[in-house]
Amino acid sequence: MTLDYCFYLHEELYLLALRDPRVTRAARRHAVYALAGAVIAELLVARRITIEDGRARLINVLNLDPTGDSVLDTYLRRIAAARRRAGIGAWLKRWTKERRLPHAIAQQLCKRGVLVHARQRVMGLVSRDIYGQAEPEAQQYVLDKVYHAIFAEETPQDPRTIMLLSLADAAGMLKAVFRTATLKPRRPHIRRVIRGDVVAAAARQAIRTTLIIQAAIASLLAARVA
């Protein structure tokens, strides 16, 4: 039986990041950039914000109507409450540095019954939050979606799948999930998918916007390495 889940991009990326518990700390930090980028992408799709043209890529709030998602609503209010407008890169950097976003997303998935939460003591001194799968089929649903987008011969037409692939690739998450040897020959296909060359014209704007977010993530990660 095929289960049809309905997740936001940040939820799908969180589930993707849980794929392998052996993933390095650096890879997990990089994944947070993708989570932050997904929040911006969802707010754009929901028409709660716009991004100005120009080098700064400043974010403007259009309206504060609830989106139906507590994570999106929280971060939308934060953008609106800022004393000064900031660009995509500034918000990505700020939210990633705070490290609150992954916890907020995980808590939301717990409320949906997808994850379970526990507190674990490290060396008997420090406690930390641990999130495990309550519904493994949900993660498999996301993995199958990404796998099909990468390895199937046909190009995916769903703009949300393309946006998911774009954000995951920007943060290096694909390398943490799939073997490099299997990804390398599919790189030309992945680039074509992310560009959205064959999707309907109405969906291209969302994909182009995600490419802007992808470029901002890549720039921030490059700065960390330099």
Protein backbone atom coordinates (compact mmCIF):
# COMPACT_ATOMS: atom_id res chain seq x y z
CA MET A 1 0.00 0.00 0.00
CA THR A 2 1.35 3.43 -0.94
CA LEU A 3 0.86 6.06 1.75
CA ASP A 4 0.27 9.62 0.61
CA TYR A 5 1.68 12.03 3.17
CA CYS A 6 1.38 15.79 3.02
CA PHE A 7 4.47 17.46 4.46
CA TYR A 8 5.93 20.92 4.27
CA LEU A 9 9.40 21.23 2.76
CA HIS A 10 11.07 21.79 6.14
CA GLU A 11 9.40 18.65 7.51
CA GLU A 12 10.55 16.55 4.56
CA LEU A 13 14.10 17.84 4.89
CA TYR A 14 14.12 17.06 8.62
CA LEU A 15 13.03 13.49 7.93
CA LEU A 16 15.69 13.22 5.24
CA ALA A 17 18.33 14.39 7.74
CA LEU A 18 17.35 11.55 10.07
CA ARG A 19 18.20 8.99 7.39
CA ASP A 20 21.54 7.93 8.86
CA PRO A 21 22.46 8.32 12.56
CA ARG A 22 26.13 8.11 11.58
CA VAL A 23 25.98 11.40 9.67
CA THR A 24 28.69 13.78 10.85
CA ARG A 25 28.02 16.87 12.95
CA ALA A 26 29.13 19.05 10.04
CA ALA A 27 26.57 17.42 7.76
CA ARG A 28 23.84 18.02 10.34
CA ARG A 29 24.85 21.69 10.65
CA HIS A 30 24.68 22.02 6.89
CA ALA A 31 21.20 20.47 6.94
CA VAL A 32 19.97 23.31 9.16
CA TYR A 33 20.69 25.73 6.30
CA ALA A 34 18.35 23.66 4.15
CA LEU A 35 15.68 23.74 6.85
CA ALA A 36 15.94 27.54 7.09
CA GLY A 37 15.85 27.82 3.32
CA ALA A 38 12.74 25.65 3.22
CA VAL A 39 10.95 28.00 5.63
CA ILE A 40 11.70 30.95 3.35
CA ALA A 41 10.61 28.95 0.30
CA GLU A 42 7.31 27.96 1.93
CA LEU A 43 6.59 31.55 2.98
CA LEU A 44 7.19 32.65 -0.59
CA VAL A 45 4.90 29.97 -2.00
CA ALA A 46 2.25 30.97 0.56
CA ARG A 47 2.63 34.60 -0.59
CA ARG A 48 3.46 35.85 2.86
CA ILE A 49 6.79 37.36 1.79
CA THR A 50 8.54 38.60 -1.32
CA ILE A 51 12.22 38.88 -2.20
CA GLU A 52 13.51 42.07 -3.77
CA ASP A 53 15.74 42.00 -6.80
CA GLY A 54 19.27 43.18 -6.26
CA ARG A 55 22.38 41.92 -4.54
CA ALA A 56 20.98 42.07 -0.99
CA ARG A 57 17.86 40.02 -1.81
CA LEU A 58 15.91 41.78 0.94
CA ILE A 59 12.80 40.03 2.28
CA ASN A 60 9.54 41.99 2.57
CA VAL A 61 6.48 40.79 4.49
CA LEU A 62 3.23 40.94 2.51
CA ASN A 63 0.84 39.87 5.26
CA LEU A 64 0.78 38.06 8.59
CA ASP A 65 -2.23 35.84 8.00
CA PRO A 66 -1.70 32.39 9.56
CA THR A 67 -0.36 29.79 7.16
CA GLY A 68 -1.71 26.79 9.04
CA ASP A 69 1.81 25.78 10.07
CA SER A 70 3.13 26.88 13.46
CA VAL A 71 6.79 26.87 12.35
CA LEU A 72 6.09 29.09 9.35
CA ASP A 73 3.93 31.44 11.40
CA THR A 74 6.63 31.80 14.08
CA TYR A 75 9.37 32.68 11.62
CA LEU A 76 7.09 34.93 9.59
CA ARG A 77 6.41 36.98 12.74
CA ARG A 78 10.13 37.16 13.43
CA ILE A 79 10.79 38.61 9.99
CA ALA A 80 8.00 41.14 10.48
CA ALA A 81 9.22 42.14 13.95
CA ALA A 82 12.81 42.83 12.87
CA ARG A 83 13.94 46.43 13.27
CA ARG A 84 15.61 46.36 9.90
CA ARG A 85 14.92 44.41 6.78
CA ALA A 86 17.42 41.67 6.02
CA GLY A 87 18.23 39.56 3.02
CA ILE A 88 17.97 35.82 2.48
CA GLY A 89 21.56 35.18 3.53
CA ALA A 90 21.21 37.12 6.77
CA TRP A 91 18.08 35.22 7.83
CA LEU A 92 19.60 31.86 6.89
CA LYS A 93 22.69 32.63 8.93
CA ARG A 94 20.71 33.93 11.92
CA TRP A 95 18.30 31.00 12.12
CA THR A 96 21.04 28.42 11.62
CA LYS A 97 23.22 29.95 14.34
CA GLU A 98 20.34 29.90 16.85
CA ARG A 99 19.73 26.17 16.33
CA ARG A 100 16.10 26.46 17.43
CA LEU A 101 14.56 25.64 14.07
CA PRO A 102 15.27 21.85 13.97
CA HIS A 103 13.77 21.45 17.44
CA ALA A 104 10.63 23.37 16.43
CA ILE A 105 10.18 21.21 13.33
CA ALA A 106 10.77 18.00 15.30
CA GLN A 107 8.21 19.01 17.91
CA GLN A 108 5.68 19.62 15.17
CA LEU A 109 6.34 16.18 13.69
CA CYS A 110 5.89 14.69 17.15
CA LYS A 111 2.46 16.31 17.40
CA ARG A 112 1.59 14.71 14.08
CA GLY A 113 2.64 11.31 15.41
CA VAL A 114 5.53 10.96 12.96
CA LEU A 115 8.34 11.28 15.55
CA VAL A 116 8.69 10.52 19.25
CA HIS A 117 10.60 12.67 21.73
CA ALA A 118 12.84 11.59 24.61
CA ARG A 119 15.45 13.17 26.88
CA GLN A 120 18.85 11.50 27.04
CA ARG A 121 21.64 12.17 29.53
CA VAL A 122 25.18 12.43 28.17
CA MET A 123 27.81 11.17 30.62
CA GLY A 124 25.20 11.54 33.35
CA LEU A 125 25.54 15.32 33.29
CA VAL A 126 23.96 17.02 30.31
CA SER A 127 20.55 16.09 28.94
CA ARG A 128 19.65 16.48 25.30
CA ASP A 129 16.59 16.04 23.14
CA ILE A 130 16.38 12.87 21.05
CA TYR A 131 13.85 12.38 18.28
CA GLY A 132 13.10 8.95 16.86
CA GLN A 133 10.69 7.59 14.31
CA ALA A 134 7.22 6.68 15.43
CA GLU A 135 6.11 6.13 11.86
CA PRO A 136 9.00 4.88 9.67
CA GLU A 137 6.76 4.91 6.60
CA ALA A 138 6.79 8.71 6.68
CA GLN A 139 10.55 8.90 6.29
CA GLN A 140 10.47 6.20 3.62
CA TYR A 141 7.91 8.26 1.72
CA VAL A 142 10.36 11.19 1.58
CA LEU A 143 13.30 8.95 0.69
CA ASP A 144 11.35 7.34 -2.13
CA LYS A 145 10.38 10.76 -3.48
CA VAL A 146 14.00 11.97 -3.54
CA TYR A 147 15.31 8.64 -4.89
CA HIS A 148 12.82 8.69 -7.74
CA ALA A 149 13.64 12.31 -8.59
CA ILE A 150 17.34 11.42 -8.85
CA PHE A 151 17.45 7.94 -10.33
CA ALA A 152 14.30 7.62 -12.45
CA GLU A 153 14.78 8.33 -16.13
CA GLU A 154 11.80 10.67 -16.38
CA THR A 155 12.15 14.18 -15.02
CA PRO A 156 9.84 15.02 -12.11
CA GLN A 157 7.14 17.57 -12.89
CA ASP A 158 6.06 18.35 -9.33
CA PRO A 159 7.57 21.74 -8.37
CA ARG A 160 7.65 20.86 -4.66
CA THR A 161 9.74 17.77 -5.35
CA ILE A 162 12.14 19.89 -7.39
CA MET A 163 12.35 22.45 -4.58
CA LEU A 164 13.03 19.67 -2.06
CA LEU A 165 15.82 18.25 -4.22
CA SER A 166 17.32 21.71 -4.76
CA LEU A 167 17.49 22.57 -1.05
CA ALA A 168 18.79 19.14 -0.07
CA ASP A 169 21.51 19.30 -2.70
CA ALA A 170 22.54 22.85 -1.72
CA ALA A 171 23.23 21.74 1.85
CA GLY A 172 25.06 18.56 0.84
CA MET A 173 22.33 16.33 2.22
CA LEU A 174 22.20 14.07 -0.83
CA LYS A 175 25.77 12.96 -0.19
CA ALA A 176 24.80 12.05 3.37
CA VAL A 177 21.91 9.89 2.18
CA PHE A 178 23.17 8.29 -1.03
CA ARG A 179 26.61 7.01 -1.92
CA THR A 180 28.79 9.43 -3.86
CA ALA A 181 29.53 6.76 -6.45
CA THR A 182 25.83 6.44 -7.28
CA LEU A 183 25.23 10.21 -7.31
CA LYS A 184 28.12 11.17 -9.58
CA PRO A 185 26.72 9.79 -12.86
CA ARG A 186 23.33 11.36 -12.07
CA ARG A 187 24.73 14.88 -11.58
CA PRO A 188 23.73 16.13 -15.07
CA HIS A 189 20.20 14.84 -14.47
CA ILE A 190 20.04 16.47 -11.01
CA ARG A 191 21.13 19.82 -12.47
CA ARG A 192 18.42 19.60 -15.16
CA VAL A 193 15.79 18.77 -12.56
CA ILE A 194 16.80 21.61 -10.25
CA ARG A 195 16.72 24.15 -13.12
CA GLY A 196 13.10 23.17 -13.76
CA ASP A 197 13.61 23.14 -17.52
CA VAL A 198 10.63 20.95 -18.32
CA VAL A 199 8.03 22.00 -15.73
CA ALA A 200 4.98 24.08 -16.52
CA ALA A 201 5.56 27.81 -16.81
CA ALA A 202 3.32 28.52 -13.81
CA ALA A 203 5.63 26.51 -11.54
CA ARG A 204 8.90 27.98 -12.76
CA GLN A 205 8.77 31.08 -10.56
CA ALA A 206 8.77 29.01 -7.37
CA ILE A 207 11.66 26.96 -8.69
CA ARG A 208 13.64 30.06 -9.71
CA THR A 209 13.13 31.49 -6.23
CA THR A 210 14.41 28.25 -4.71
CA LEU A 211 17.51 28.56 -6.89
CA ILE A 212 18.15 31.97 -5.30
CA ILE A 213 17.87 30.38 -1.85
CA GLN A 214 20.10 27.53 -2.99
CA ALA A 215 22.76 30.02 -4.10
CA ALA A 216 22.58 31.80 -0.73
CA ILE A 217 23.07 28.49 1.13
CA ALA A 218 26.02 27.58 -1.09
CA SER A 219 27.61 30.99 -0.45
CA LEU A 220 27.24 30.65 3.33
CA LEU A 221 28.66 27.12 3.35
CA ALA A 222 31.58 28.21 1.18
CA ALA A 223 32.30 31.02 3.65
CA ARG A 224 32.39 28.50 6.52
CA VAL A 225 34.99 26.41 4.72
CA ALA A 226 37.15 29.38 3.69
